[in-house]
Structures are given as structure tokens and as C-alpha cells.
C-alpha atoms as a PDB file:
ATOM      1  CA  MET A   1      -0.204  -0.180   0.122  1.00  0.00           C
ATOM      2  CA  ARG A   2       1.141   3.937  -0.611  1.00  0.00           C
ATOM      3  CA  ARG A   3       2.571   5.018   2.480  1.00  0.00           C
ATOM      4  CA  PRO A   4       3.519   8.964   2.153  1.00  0.00           C
ATOM      5  CA  ALA A   5       6.550  10.385   1.311  1.00  0.00           C
ATOM      6  CA  ARG A   6       9.257  11.169   4.449  1.00  0.00           C
ATOM      7  CA  THR A   7      12.077  13.905   4.262  1.00  0.00           C
ATOM      8  CA  LEU A   8      14.472  13.112   7.195  1.00  0.00           C
ATOM      9  CA  VAL A   9      17.223  16.474   6.860  1.00  0.00           C
ATOM     10  CA  LEU A  10      20.060  16.497   8.921  1.00  0.00           C
ATOM     11  CA  ALA A  11      21.739  19.160  10.056  1.00  0.00           C
ATOM     12  CA  CYS A  12      25.399  19.653  11.609  1.00  0.00           C
ATOM     13  CA  THR A  13      26.742  22.804  12.494  1.00  0.00           C
ATOM     14  CA  VAL A  14      30.113  23.380  14.031  1.00  0.00           C
ATOM     15  CA  LEU A  15      29.305  25.840  16.349  1.00  0.00           C
ATOM     16  CA  ALA A  16      25.745  24.713  17.404  1.00  0.00           C
ATOM     17  CA  LEU A  17      26.563  21.071  17.629  1.00  0.00           C
ATOM     18  CA  PRO A  18      30.619  20.790  18.571  1.00  0.00           C
ATOM     19  CA  ALA A  19      29.992  16.824  19.213  1.00  0.00           C
ATOM     20  CA  CYS A  20      28.427  16.543  15.603  1.00  0.00           C
ATOM     21  CA  ALA A  21      32.020  15.458  14.427  1.00  0.00           C
ATOM     22  CA  GLN A  22      31.955  12.558  17.623  1.00  0.00           C
ATOM     23  CA  LEU A  23      29.438  10.808  15.771  1.00  0.00           C
ATOM     24  CA  PRO A  24      30.122   7.044  15.186  1.00  0.00           C
ATOM     25  CA  ALA A  25      31.141   5.914  11.898  1.00  0.00           C
ATOM     26  CA  VAL A  26      28.905   3.977   9.907  1.00  0.00           C
ATOM     27  CA  THR A  27      29.937   1.426   7.556  1.00  0.00           C
ATOM     28  CA  ALA A  28      28.402   0.575   4.679  1.00  0.00           C
ATOM     29  CA  PRO A  29      27.180  -3.568   3.996  1.00  0.00           C
ATOM     30  CA  ALA A  30      29.892  -5.395   1.169  1.00  0.00           C
ATOM     31  CA  ALA A  31      28.423  -5.165  -2.001  1.00  0.00           C
ATOM     32  CA  THR A  32      27.369  -8.658  -2.461  1.00  0.00           C
ATOM     33  CA  GLY A  33      27.420  -8.073  -6.680  1.00  0.00           C
ATOM     34  CA  ARG A  34      23.712  -9.344  -7.061  1.00  0.00           C
ATOM     35  CA  ALA A  35      21.522  -7.026  -8.537  1.00  0.00           C
ATOM     36  CA  PRO A  36      17.939  -7.102  -6.185  1.00  0.00           C
ATOM     37  CA  VAL A  37      15.194  -8.825  -7.693  1.00  0.00           C
ATOM     38  CA  PRO A  38      13.254  -6.748 -10.192  1.00  0.00           C
ATOM     39  CA  LEU A  39       9.224  -5.893  -9.973  1.00  0.00           C
ATOM     40  CA  VAL A  40       7.024  -8.315 -12.453  1.00  0.00           C
ATOM     41  CA  VAL A  41       6.121  -4.621 -13.807  1.00  0.00           C
ATOM     42  CA  GLN A  42       6.614  -0.942 -12.556  1.00  0.00           C
ATOM     43  CA  PRO A  43       3.745   0.968 -10.822  1.00  0.00           C
ATOM     44  CA  ALA A  44       3.040   2.520 -13.900  1.00  0.00           C
ATOM     45  CA  GLN A  45       3.273  -0.144 -15.839  1.00  0.00           C
ATOM     46  CA  ALA A  46       0.973  -1.760 -13.727  1.00  0.00           C
ATOM     47  CA  ALA A  47      -1.976   0.951 -13.481  1.00  0.00           C
ATOM     48  CA  ARG A  48      -1.708   1.202 -17.774  1.00  0.00           C
ATOM     49  CA  ILE A  49      -1.740  -3.354 -17.412  1.00  0.00           C
ATOM     50  CA  ALA A  50      -4.813  -3.028 -14.989  1.00  0.00           C
ATOM     51  CA  GLU A  51      -6.469  -0.765 -16.700  1.00  0.00           C
ATOM     52  CA  ALA A  52      -6.496  -2.507 -20.568  1.00  0.00           C
ATOM     53  CA  ALA A  53      -7.298  -6.066 -18.917  1.00  0.00           C
ATOM     54  CA  THR A  54     -10.515  -4.710 -16.340  1.00  0.00           C
ATOM     55  CA  ALA A  55     -11.916  -2.564 -19.961  1.00  0.00           C
ATOM     56  CA  PRO A  56     -14.317  -6.068 -20.709  1.00  0.00           C
ATOM     57  CA  LEU A  57     -15.463  -5.938 -17.680  1.00  0.00           C
ATOM     58  CA  GLU A  58     -16.542  -2.869 -16.950  1.00  0.00           C
ATOM     59  CA  VAL A  59     -18.162  -2.475 -20.378  1.00  0.00           C
ATOM     60  CA  ALA A  60     -19.886  -5.919 -19.298  1.00  0.00           C
ATOM     61  CA  GLY A  61     -22.387  -4.007 -17.435  1.00  0.00           C
ATOM     62  CA  ASP A  62     -25.150  -6.553 -18.812  1.00  0.00           C
ATOM     63  CA  PRO A  63     -23.818  -9.537 -18.025  1.00  0.00           C
ATOM     64  CA  ALA A  64     -26.885 -11.127 -20.894  1.00  0.00           C
ATOM     65  CA  ALA A  65     -25.151  -9.425 -23.475  1.00  0.00           C
ATOM     66  CA  THR A  66     -21.984  -9.740 -22.245  1.00  0.00           C
ATOM     67  CA  ASP A  67     -19.295 -10.546 -25.323  1.00  0.00           C
ATOM     68  CA  LEU A  68     -17.625 -13.805 -24.008  1.00  0.00           C
ATOM     69  CA  ASP A  69     -15.435 -14.397 -26.729  1.00  0.00           C
ATOM     70  CA  ALA A  70     -14.101 -10.875 -26.341  1.00  0.00           C
ATOM     71  CA  LEU A  71     -13.792 -11.514 -22.452  1.00  0.00           C
ATOM     72  CA  ALA A  72     -11.692 -14.319 -22.805  1.00  0.00           C
ATOM     73  CA  GLN A  73      -9.049 -11.873 -23.891  1.00  0.00           C
ATOM     74  CA  ARG A  74      -8.365 -10.506 -20.977  1.00  0.00           C
ATOM     75  CA  VAL A  75     -10.290 -12.996 -18.127  1.00  0.00           C
ATOM     76  CA  THR A  76      -8.918 -15.716 -17.162  1.00  0.00           C
ATOM     77  CA  GLY A  77      -9.844 -18.567 -14.105  1.00  0.00           C
ATOM     78  CA  PRO A  78     -12.294 -18.700 -11.463  1.00  0.00           C
ATOM     79  CA  GLU A  79     -13.661 -14.809 -12.696  1.00  0.00           C
ATOM     80  CA  LEU A  80     -13.686 -15.881 -16.143  1.00  0.00           C
ATOM     81  CA  ASP A  81     -15.987 -18.934 -14.562  1.00  0.00           C
ATOM     82  CA  LEU A  82     -18.233 -16.925 -12.372  1.00  0.00           C
ATOM     83  CA  ARG A  83     -19.045 -14.135 -15.558  1.00  0.00           C
ATOM     84  CA  ARG A  84     -20.136 -16.952 -17.940  1.00  0.00           C
ATOM     85  CA  ALA A  85     -22.133 -18.622 -15.520  1.00  0.00           C
ATOM     86  CA  ALA A  86     -23.148 -15.185 -14.690  1.00  0.00           C
ATOM     87  CA  ALA A  87     -24.091 -14.730 -18.129  1.00  0.00           C
ATOM     88  CA  THR A  88     -26.293 -17.756 -18.257  1.00  0.00           C
ATOM     89  CA  ILE A  89     -28.641 -16.687 -15.772  1.00  0.00           C
ATOM     90  CA  ALA A  90     -28.708 -13.547 -17.352  1.00  0.00           C
ATOM     91  CA  ALA A  91     -30.382 -14.508 -20.394  1.00  0.00           C
ATOM     92  CA  ALA A  92     -32.685 -17.431 -19.762  1.00  0.00           C
ATOM     93  CA  GLY A  93     -34.552 -14.006 -17.803  1.00  0.00           C
ATOM     94  CA  ALA A  94     -33.058 -14.578 -14.283  1.00  0.00           C
ATOM     95  CA  THR A  95     -31.029 -12.469 -12.226  1.00  0.00           C
ATOM     96  CA  PRO A  96     -27.450 -13.691 -11.357  1.00  0.00           C
ATOM     97  CA  PRO A  97     -25.920 -13.164  -8.341  1.00  0.00           C
ATOM     98  CA  ALA A  98     -23.074 -10.600  -8.141  1.00  0.00           C
ATOM     99  CA  ALA A  99     -19.918 -12.181 -10.050  1.00  0.00           C
ATOM    100  CA  GLY A 100     -17.378  -9.839  -8.881  1.00  0.00           C
ATOM    101  CA  ALA A 101     -15.988  -6.038  -7.812  1.00  0.00           C
ATOM    102  CA  ASP A 102     -18.448  -3.592  -8.530  1.00  0.00           C
ATOM    103  CA  THR A 103     -15.959  -1.755  -9.714  1.00  0.00           C
ATOM    104  CA  LEU A 104     -12.322  -1.706 -11.029  1.00  0.00           C
ATOM    105  CA  GLU A 105     -10.784   1.368 -10.696  1.00  0.00           C
ATOM    106  CA  ALA A 106      -7.907   0.796  -9.015  1.00  0.00           C
ATOM    107  CA  ILE A 107      -6.101   3.263  -6.089  1.00  0.00           C
ATOM    108  CA  SER A 108      -3.116   1.109  -5.407  1.00  0.00           C
ATOM    109  CA  SER A 109      -1.273  -1.849  -6.120  1.00  0.00           C
ATOM    110  CA  VAL A 110       1.148  -5.006  -5.033  1.00  0.00           C
ATOM    111  CA  LEU A 111       4.250  -6.082  -6.843  1.00  0.00           C
ATOM    112  CA  PRO A 112       5.812  -9.006  -6.271  1.00  0.00           C
ATOM    113  CA  ARG A 113       9.574  -9.436  -6.834  1.00  0.00           C
ATOM    114  CA  GLN A 114      10.239 -12.141  -8.571  1.00  0.00           C
ATOM    115  CA  GLU A 115      12.326 -13.768 -12.036  1.00  0.00           C
ATOM    116  CA  GLY A 116      10.815 -15.632 -14.720  1.00  0.00           C
ATOM    117  CA  TRP A 117       6.624 -16.771 -15.162  1.00  0.00           C
ATOM    118  CA  PRO A 118       4.382 -17.092 -14.513  1.00  0.00           C
ATOM    119  CA  ARG A 119       4.208 -13.242 -12.745  1.00  0.00           C
ATOM    120  CA  TRP A 120       1.490 -12.323 -10.919  1.00  0.00           C
ATOM    121  CA  PHE A 121       0.302  -8.660  -9.182  1.00  0.00           C
ATOM    122  CA  LEU A 122      -2.904  -7.517  -8.313  1.00  0.00           C
ATOM    123  CA  THR A 123      -4.574  -3.958  -7.416  1.00  0.00           C
ATOM    124  CA  VAL A 124      -6.610  -2.436  -4.754  1.00  0.00           C
ATOM    125  CA  THR A 125      -9.875  -0.685  -6.145  1.00  0.00           C
ATOM    126  CA  GLU A 126     -11.922   1.889  -5.155  1.00  0.00           C
ATOM    127  CA  PRO A 127     -15.157   1.325  -2.905  1.00  0.00           C
ATOM    128  CA  GLY A 128     -17.881   0.640  -5.077  1.00  0.00           C
ATOM    129  CA  ALA A 129     -21.758   0.465  -4.600  1.00  0.00           C
ATOM    130  CA  ASP A 130     -21.321  -1.883  -1.516  1.00  0.00           C
ATOM    131  CA  SER A 131     -18.560   0.329   0.271  1.00  0.00           C
ATOM    132  CA  LYS A 132     -16.405  -2.499   0.040  1.00  0.00           C
ATOM    133  CA  PRO A 133     -13.082  -2.056  -1.866  1.00  0.00           C
ATOM    134  CA  SER A 134     -11.908  -5.223  -3.573  1.00  0.00           C
ATOM    135  CA  LEU A 135      -8.851  -6.514  -5.363  1.00  0.00           C
ATOM    136  CA  VAL A 136      -8.044  -7.056  -8.724  1.00  0.00           C
ATOM    137  CA  VAL A 137      -5.817 -10.374  -9.345  1.00  0.00           C
ATOM    138  CA  LEU A 138      -3.937 -10.648 -12.513  1.00  0.00           C
ATOM    139  CA  ARG A 139      -1.882 -13.622 -13.947  1.00  0.00           C
ATOM    140  CA  SER A 140       0.530 -14.119 -16.854  1.00  0.00           C
ATOM    141  CA  PRO A 141       1.449 -17.490 -17.965  1.00  0.00           C
ATOM    142  CA  ALA A 142       4.460 -16.836 -19.823  1.00  0.00           C
ATOM    143  CA  PRO A 143       6.067 -13.494 -20.938  1.00  0.00           C
ATOM    144  CA  ARG A 144       4.423 -13.181 -24.814  1.00  0.00           C
ATOM    145  CA  GLU A 145       1.261 -13.377 -22.649  1.00  0.00           C
ATOM    146  CA  PRO A 146      -1.038 -10.806 -21.779  1.00  0.00           C
ATOM    147  CA  TYR A 147      -2.010 -10.165 -18.378  1.00  0.00           C
ATOM    148  CA  ARG A 148      -5.219 -11.414 -17.474  1.00  0.00           C
ATOM    149  CA  VAL A 149      -7.775 -10.831 -14.616  1.00  0.00           C
ATOM    150  CA  TRP A 150      -7.808 -13.718 -12.757  1.00  0.00           C
ATOM    151  CA  ALA A 151     -10.275 -12.728 -10.105  1.00  0.00           C
ATOM    152  CA  THR A 152     -11.593  -9.612  -7.799  1.00  0.00           C
ATOM    153  CA  PRO A 153     -12.507 -10.293  -4.009  1.00  0.00           C
ATOM    154  CA  SER A 154     -13.939  -7.733  -2.553  1.00  0.00           C
ATOM    155  CA  LEU A 155     -12.766  -6.692   1.211  1.00  0.00           C
ATOM    156  CA  LEU A 156     -15.254  -8.597   3.767  1.00  0.00           C
ATOM    157  CA  PRO A 157     -17.041  -5.873   6.232  1.00  0.00           C
ATOM    158  CA  GLY A 158     -14.444  -4.962   8.690  1.00  0.00           C
ATOM    159  CA  ALA A 159     -11.398  -6.277   7.121  1.00  0.00           C
ATOM    160  CA  SER A 160      -8.429  -4.496   6.154  1.00  0.00           C
ATOM    161  CA  LEU A 161      -5.530  -5.475   3.718  1.00  0.00           C
ATOM    162  CA  PRO A 162      -1.993  -5.698   5.527  1.00  0.00           C
ATOM    163  CA  THR A 163       0.592  -2.967   4.990  1.00  0.00           C
ATOM    164  CA  THR A 164       2.667  -4.781   1.915  1.00  0.00           C
ATOM    165  CA  GLY A 165       4.691  -1.317   1.366  1.00  0.00           C
ATOM    166  CA  ALA A 166       4.771   1.337  -1.290  1.00  0.00           C
ATOM    167  CA  PRO A 167       3.981   0.012  -4.730  1.00  0.00           C
ATOM    168  CA  ALA A 168       7.807   0.946  -5.959  1.00  0.00           C
ATOM    169  CA  ASP A 169       9.408  -0.789  -3.080  1.00  0.00           C
ATOM    170  CA  GLY A 170       7.653  -4.242  -4.322  1.00  0.00           C
ATOM    171  CA  ALA A 171       7.066  -7.538  -1.880  1.00  0.00           C
ATOM    172  CA  ALA A 172       8.862 -10.360  -1.260  1.00  0.00           C
ATOM    173  CA  VAL A 173       6.903 -13.573  -3.118  1.00  0.00           C
ATOM    174  CA  VAL A 174       6.593 -16.517  -0.481  1.00  0.00           C
ATOM    175  CA  PRO A 175       7.056 -19.807  -1.832  1.00  0.00           C
ATOM    176  CA  ALA A 176       3.898 -22.380  -1.498  1.00  0.00           C
ATOM    177  CA  ASP A 177       6.052 -24.445   0.688  1.00  0.00           C
ATOM    178  CA  GLU A 178       7.622 -21.209   2.836  1.00  0.00           C
ATOM    179  CA  ASP A 179       6.610 -20.926   6.916  1.00  0.00           C
ATOM    180  CA  THR A 180       9.420 -19.201   7.849  1.00  0.00           C
ATOM    181  CA  ASN A 181       8.389 -16.731  10.512  1.00  0.00           C
ATOM    182  CA  LEU A 182       5.354 -17.848   9.514  1.00  0.00           C
ATOM    183  CA  PRO A 183       2.590 -19.969  11.634  1.00  0.00           C
ATOM    184  CA  MET A 184       2.016 -21.730   8.901  1.00  0.00           C
ATOM    185  CA  SER A 185       3.263 -21.737   4.771  1.00  0.00           C
ATOM    186  CA  PRO A 186       0.452 -20.129   2.235  1.00  0.00           C
ATOM    187  CA  ALA A 187      -0.169 -23.894   1.143  1.00  0.00           C
ATOM    188  CA  ALA A 188      -1.280 -24.915   4.161  1.00  0.00           C
ATOM    189  CA  VAL A 189      -3.028 -21.873   4.509  1.00  0.00           C
ATOM    190  CA  ALA A 190      -5.312 -22.511   1.811  1.00  0.00           C
ATOM    191  CA  GLU A 191      -5.390 -26.886   2.470  1.00  0.00           C
ATOM    192  CA  ARG A 192      -6.484 -25.872   5.998  1.00  0.00           C
ATOM    193  CA  TYR A 193      -8.762 -23.633   5.468  1.00  0.00           C
ATOM    194  CA  ALA A 194     -10.464 -26.127   3.208  1.00  0.00           C
ATOM    195  CA  ASP A 195     -11.031 -28.454   5.784  1.00  0.00           C
ATOM    196  CA  VAL A 196     -12.951 -25.174   7.984  1.00  0.00           C
ATOM    197  CA  LEU A 197     -14.758 -24.711   5.516  1.00  0.00           C
ATOM    198  CA  LEU A 198     -15.978 -28.467   5.175  1.00  0.00           C
ATOM    199  CA  ASN A 199     -15.846 -29.464   9.028  1.00  0.00           C
ATOM    200  CA  GLY A 200     -16.006 -26.073  11.015  1.00  0.00           C
ATOM    201  CA  ASP A 201     -15.295 -26.184  14.479  1.00  0.00           C
ATOM    202  CA  GLY A 202     -14.761 -30.002  14.282  1.00  0.00           C
ATOM    203  CA  SER A 203     -11.848 -28.977  11.752  1.00  0.00           C
ATOM    204  CA  GLU A 204      -8.771 -29.964  13.629  1.00  0.00           C
ATOM    205  CA  PHE A 205      -7.494 -26.467  12.153  1.00  0.00           C
ATOM    206  CA  ALA A 206     -10.840 -24.414  13.595  1.00  0.00           C
ATOM    207  CA  GLY A 207      -8.140 -22.477  15.796  1.00  0.00           C
ATOM    208  CA  GLN A 208      -5.441 -21.032  13.268  1.00  0.00           C
ATOM    209  CA  PHE A 209      -8.198 -18.577  11.425  1.00  0.00           C
ATOM    210  CA  ALA A 210     -10.220 -16.351  13.085  1.00  0.00           C
ATOM    211  CA  THR A 211     -13.478 -16.289  12.851  1.00  0.00           C
ATOM    212  CA  ASP A 212     -14.722 -14.845   9.296  1.00  0.00           C
ATOM    213  CA  ALA A 213     -18.035 -13.852   7.710  1.00  0.00           C
ATOM    214  CA  TYR A 214     -17.482 -15.705   4.640  1.00  0.00           C
ATOM    215  CA  ARG A 215     -17.050 -19.125   6.930  1.00  0.00           C
ATOM    216  CA  GLN A 216     -19.899 -18.477   9.043  1.00  0.00           C
ATOM    217  CA  GLY A 217     -22.204 -18.245   6.426  1.00  0.00           C
ATOM    218  CA  VAL A 218     -21.101 -21.207   4.225  1.00  0.00           C
ATOM    219  CA  LEU A 219     -21.224 -23.292   7.149  1.00  0.00           C
ATOM    220  CA  THR A 220     -24.799 -21.875   8.652  1.00  0.00           C
ATOM    221  CA  SER A 221     -25.961 -22.619   4.719  1.00  0.00           C
ATOM    222  CA  ALA A 222     -24.994 -26.240   5.203  1.00  0.00           C
ATOM    223  CA  GLU A 223     -26.203 -26.962   7.991  1.00  0.00           C
ATOM    224  CA  GLU A 224     -29.448 -25.677   6.830  1.00  0.00           C
ATOM    225  CA  GLN A 225     -29.453 -27.887   4.402  1.00  0.00           C
ATOM    226  CA  ALA A 226     -28.304 -31.213   5.408  1.00  0.00           C
ATOM    227  CA  ARG A 227     -30.916 -30.912   8.366  1.00  0.00           C
ATOM    228  CA  ALA A 228     -34.204 -30.429   6.013  1.00  0.00           C
ATOM    229  CA  LEU A 229     -33.063 -32.963   3.363  1.00  0.00           C
ATOM    230  CA  GLU A 230     -32.229 -35.498   6.356  1.00  0.00           C
ATOM    231  CA  GLY A 231     -34.675 -35.171   8.252  1.00  0.00           C
ATOM    232  CA  ALA A 232     -37.213 -35.231   5.394  1.00  0.00           C
ATOM    233  CA  GLY A 233     -34.607 -38.497   4.369  1.00  0.00           C
ATOM    234  CA  GLY A 234     -32.409 -36.923   1.471  1.00  0.00           C
ATOM    235  CA  THR A 235     -28.775 -36.485   1.716  1.00  0.00           C
ATOM    236  CA  PHE A 236     -26.630 -33.964   1.746  1.00  0.00           C
ATOM    237  CA  SER A 237     -22.095 -34.222   0.878  1.00  0.00           C
ATOM    238  CA  GLN A 238     -20.253 -31.482  -0.046  1.00  0.00           C
ATOM    239  CA  GLU A 239     -16.364 -31.363  -1.216  1.00  0.00           C
ATOM    240  CA  ARG A 240     -14.035 -28.826  -1.340  1.00  0.00           C
ATOM    241  CA  VAL A 241     -10.153 -28.737  -3.181  1.00  0.00           C
ATOM    242  CA  LEU A 242      -7.879 -26.073  -4.839  1.00  0.00           C
ATOM    243  CA  LEU A 243      -7.763 -24.694  -8.399  1.00  0.00           C
ATOM    244  CA  ASP A 244      -4.758 -25.692  -9.759  1.00  0.00           C
ATOM    245  CA  ASP A 245      -2.036 -23.180  -9.276  1.00  0.00           C
ATOM    246  CA  SER A 246      -3.968 -20.960  -7.246  1.00  0.00           C
ATOM    247  CA  VAL A 247      -1.830 -20.427  -4.278  1.00  0.00           C
ATOM    248  CA  LEU A 248      -0.147 -16.786  -3.917  1.00  0.00           C
ATOM    249  CA  ALA A 249       1.503 -14.606  -1.500  1.00  0.00           C
ATOM    250  CA  VAL A 250       3.772 -12.041  -0.813  1.00  0.00           C
ATOM    251  CA  ARG A 251       5.683 -10.792   2.640  1.00  0.00           C
ATOM    252  CA  THR A 252       3.585  -7.958   4.438  1.00  0.00           C
ATOM    253  CA  ARG A 253       5.813  -5.523   5.741  1.00  0.00           C
ATOM    254  CA  ASP A 254       5.492  -7.079   9.111  1.00  0.00           C
ATOM    255  CA  GLY A 255       7.286 -10.038   8.263  1.00  0.00           C
ATOM    256  CA  GLY A 256       3.972 -11.762   7.981  1.00  0.00           C
ATOM    257  CA  ALA A 257       2.352 -12.865   4.534  1.00  0.00           C
ATOM    258  CA  LEU A 258      -0.252 -11.952   2.267  1.00  0.00           C
ATOM    259  CA  VAL A 259      -2.194 -15.334   0.723  1.00  0.00           C
ATOM    260  CA  VAL A 260      -4.674 -15.980  -2.255  1.00  0.00           C
ATOM    261  CA  ALA A 261      -6.154 -19.240  -2.672  1.00  0.00           C
ATOM    262  CA  GLY A 262      -8.967 -20.717  -4.850  1.00  0.00           C
ATOM    263  CA  TYR A 263     -11.250 -23.695  -4.512  1.00  0.00           C
ATOM    264  CA  ARG A 264     -13.839 -25.643  -6.578  1.00  0.00           C
ATOM    265  CA  SER A 265     -16.956 -26.880  -4.297  1.00  0.00           C
ATOM    266  CA  SER A 266     -19.356 -29.257  -5.039  1.00  0.00           C
ATOM    267  CA  VAL A 267     -22.510 -29.432  -2.852  1.00  0.00           C
ATOM    268  CA  THR A 268     -24.687 -32.062  -4.218  1.00  0.00           C
ATOM    269  CA  ALA A 269     -28.313 -32.489  -1.817  1.00  0.00           C
ATOM    270  CA  ALA A 270     -30.373 -34.667  -3.041  1.00  0.00           C
ATOM    271  CA  GLY A 271     -34.331 -35.927  -2.359  1.00  0.00           C
ATOM    272  CA  PRO A 272     -35.764 -38.803  -0.522  1.00  0.00           C
ATOM    273  CA  ALA A 273     -35.500 -42.097  -2.599  1.00  0.00           C
ATOM    274  CA  GLY A 274     -38.992 -42.086  -4.829  1.00  0.00           C
ATOM    275  CA  GLY A 275     -39.842 -38.590  -4.004  1.00  0.00           C
ATOM    276  CA  LEU A 276     -41.117 -36.254  -6.217  1.00  0.00           C
ATOM    277  CA  PRO A 277     -38.762 -33.660  -8.357  1.00  0.00           C
ATOM    278  CA  GLY A 278     -39.117 -30.306  -6.310  1.00  0.00           C
ATOM    279  CA  GLN A 279     -38.889 -26.652  -8.198  1.00  0.00           C
ATOM    280  CA  LEU A 280     -35.644 -25.236  -8.841  1.00  0.00           C
ATOM    281  CA  GLN A 281     -35.450 -21.406  -8.556  1.00  0.00           C
ATOM    282  CA  ALA A 282     -34.844 -19.505 -11.577  1.00  0.00           C
ATOM    283  CA  ALA A 283     -30.762 -18.661 -11.628  1.00  0.00           C
ATOM    284  CA  ALA A 284     -30.298 -22.331 -11.033  1.00  0.00           C
ATOM    285  CA  ALA A 285     -33.025 -23.681 -13.098  1.00  0.00           C
ATOM    286  CA  ALA A 286     -31.022 -21.382 -16.150  1.00  0.00           C
ATOM    287  CA  LEU A 287     -27.599 -23.354 -14.814  1.00  0.00           C
ATOM    288  CA  ALA A 288     -29.463 -26.277 -14.667  1.00  0.00           C
ATOM    289  CA  GLY A 289     -31.129 -26.662 -17.923  1.00  0.00           C
ATOM    290  CA  ARG A 290     -34.809 -27.378 -16.122  1.00  0.00           C
ATOM    291  CA  GLU A 291     -36.748 -26.303 -14.139  1.00  0.00           C
ATOM    292  CA  ASP A 292     -37.161 -29.229 -11.499  1.00  0.00           C
ATOM    293  CA  ALA A 293     -35.188 -31.730 -10.199  1.00  0.00           C
ATOM    294  CA  THR A 294     -34.409 -34.914  -7.128  1.00  0.00           C
ATOM    295  CA  SER A 295     -31.307 -34.375  -7.031  1.00  0.00           C
ATOM    296  CA  VAL A 296     -28.756 -30.788  -7.881  1.00  0.00           C
ATOM    297  CA  THR A 297     -24.919 -30.899  -8.002  1.00  0.00           C
ATOM    298  CA  THR A 298     -23.928 -27.183  -7.438  1.00  0.00           C
ATOM    299  CA  VAL A 299     -20.032 -26.777  -8.416  1.00  0.00           C
ATOM    300  CA  VAL A 300     -19.435 -22.948  -6.501  1.00  0.00           C
ATOM    301  CA  GLU A 301     -15.484 -21.697  -7.047  1.00  0.00           C
ATOM    302  CA  GLU A 302     -14.473 -19.206  -4.318  1.00  0.00           C
ATOM    303  CA  VAL A 303     -11.331 -17.124  -4.168  1.00  0.00           C
ATOM    304  CA  VAL A 304      -9.958 -16.495  -0.810  1.00  0.00           C
ATOM    305  CA  VAL A 305      -7.774 -13.741   0.561  1.00  0.00           C
ATOM    306  CA  PHE A 306      -5.799 -14.412   3.956  1.00  0.00           C
ATOM    307  CA  ALA A 307      -3.258 -12.610   6.472  1.00  0.00           C
ATOM    308  CA  VAL A 308      -0.974 -14.249   8.220  1.00  0.00           C
ATOM    309  CA  PRO A 309       0.368 -12.736  11.135  1.00  0.00           C
ATOM    310  CA  PRO A 310       4.520 -12.817  11.864  1.00  0.00           C
ATOM    311  CA  GLY A 311       5.349 -15.513  14.044  1.00  0.00           C
ATOM    312  CA  GLN A 312       2.522 -17.553  15.987  1.00  0.00           C
ATOM    313  CA  GLY A 313      -1.532 -16.500  15.556  1.00  0.00           C
ATOM    314  CA  GLN A 314      -4.454 -17.125  13.699  1.00  0.00           C
ATOM    315  CA  ALA A 315      -4.495 -16.195  10.014  1.00  0.00           C
ATOM    316  CA  SER A 316      -7.614 -14.775   8.987  1.00  0.00           C
ATOM    317  CA  VAL A 317      -9.581 -13.711   6.268  1.00  0.00           C
ATOM    318  CA  VAL A 318      -9.989 -10.842   4.785  1.00  0.00           C
ATOM    319  CA  ALA A 319     -11.419 -10.673   1.108  1.00  0.00           C
ATOM    320  CA  VAL A 320     -13.642 -13.949  -0.719  1.00  0.00           C
ATOM    321  CA  GLN A 321     -15.006 -13.900  -4.555  1.00  0.00           C
ATOM    322  CA  SER A 322     -17.690 -16.926  -4.372  1.00  0.00           C
ATOM    323  CA  GLY A 323     -20.875 -17.784  -6.767  1.00  0.00           C
ATOM    324  CA  PRO A 324     -22.107 -20.932  -9.274  1.00  0.00           C
ATOM    325  CA  VAL A 325     -20.325 -21.718 -12.194  1.00  0.00           C
ATOM    326  CA  SER A 326     -22.807 -24.868 -13.104  1.00  0.00           C
ATOM    327  CA  ILE A 327     -25.286 -27.219 -12.024  1.00  0.00           C
ATOM    328  CA  GLU A 328     -26.247 -30.700 -12.972  1.00  0.00           C
ATOM    329  CA  ALA A 329     -29.543 -31.408 -12.361  1.00  0.00           C
ATOM    330  CA  SER A 330     -31.600 -34.887 -12.412  1.00  0.00           C
END
């Protein structure tokens, strides 16, 4: 995040400060002979790239009129999957859930210091109509491939991003299996939170994460659905897996980490054997291609952003993007 410039002026006047000449000498550290790891892009480049990559999303205000082929030129991953689902729902005359950030105007950026590819960086947006800033995660798989928008998670109510330093300073990349000065590695953060979302307080990792609104909502919804279905003789099951190559992380200024992870969850709700089909809600019917069913499997994609403290302590969820991408019904 951007920090105000600070100018430090040292005055050493012999008449006013006679002891100034007696200050101890400072020896500069020996040169290592290695250039610092470069930023993936310079701050001005990041602003231009983000503006170009988000332009198709800015004009896709009406999901039913979205040109998905054009969108795929600058959008990828969960963001593209969620936008495609929203377009399908809207084309059927139903109201799609929010597919991502409602404003994409960047006010700052987090720029990793890294060599080689794939590369990524993110921007922080102005608060939109929902009064919440969002993050725009941009990724490039190869030198000749443009950066594409991969996700646009929004900050949770009351959450704030950990400080990573000014864009020009950059941030050190934390490998997925790196746990130096962290309570757990970025990969462990992602995997353990998935277990918490599935098992709630029954997860052995529940105490490693602060309670958050998204977690509470997911657990409450699953509990209510399971209770209703099982009470009627039906079944409820769910699973959640990490998306391939979805764990991204950089160091924060305090030595902790900012971690991004993507998931795909599958929830199957089935009525009792021999029961009558149930009516699907309009958005679900649009994705399923039918209006009623006795068994429904909903696939949801999620992008979760974590603040991980230095040393020991609980990781906390600061931003989330989530929505259905497909439904199979029978």
C-alpha cells in the first residue's frame, strides 16, 4: 500500500553542535554483487495493464449482453467462470448473483519482486456501490502472454489489508511451501481453511483461523440444508479442492504474508428415494437447463484472501469472491 514520502534532514553545524564531529562512523555493508530481484512490472506499467485488462469487465455491465469471446481475451480462471455463469443466468431472464467487483478503478497495487514466469500482481480498487474495496488479481503465464484478470474478491465487512509497502518497493514472493516466521505455509493456509469450511469447529485446524463472516455463512447454509434434507429422508454432501496453481503469496511489511487461494466446491443435495421432483430457483434452473429435479449438484468457485501474521497467531480472511459456475440436476 502507498505510504507518504518522508524527508529526513540532518544538520551538523560546528558552532551549534560541536559534538556532531564525534559521531561514530557507519560502515556500509559489503556489496553482494547481485542486483535486487526486479518488480514483475513497474508501478506505472501496473496501472496501464490493470486498466487494459479490466476494460472488458467495465463494459460488461449487462451479463446477458456480455461478449464472452472478447472477455476471454483479458479474463481467465475463476473470474471468467463466474462471468460465464452470470451470462447464462441473465440470458434465461433470471437475476445472476454478483459475479465480482462492482468497480475496478485502481487506487494502489501490490507488486511482487520475482524473476521468471508465471507472474502475478494485484491492484486495490476504490470502494464501489457496496462500500467495499476489491482486489483485482492479474496473472501472466508466459513472457508473450498478456496479464489477464484472474479474480476480483471484495473485502469482508470490517476487514483491512495488511500493509505490503509502497508499489515501488515491491513485495517478496513467499513460495507455497515456505513457513519461515509464519504460523504455517501459504499452501497449508489454503488447505487447512478448506477443511474448516467443510467441518467447522470440528476441524482440527479451526483454531488456526479467526472467525469470519464468509466461514460463518458457508457453515450455516450447509448445516441448514443438511438438516432439512436428512429430516425428509434425503442426503447432503460436499467437498472442496484447491484450484491448480492457485496459491499466491507475498510478504507483508511486518514479516507476515498476504495469501491468495482459489477453490472449487461441489455440493450435492438429493431428495428421498422415490420422492417427487422439487422446483429449482430461477438462477439454478438456468444453469441446470431444467426447472425441477430430485438431485442437484452445484459447483461453486471461490477465491479467498488471507492475512497471515508473523510468528504465531491466527490467519484471518480479508477478502472473498464466490459464486456458482455450473449445476447438474436429475
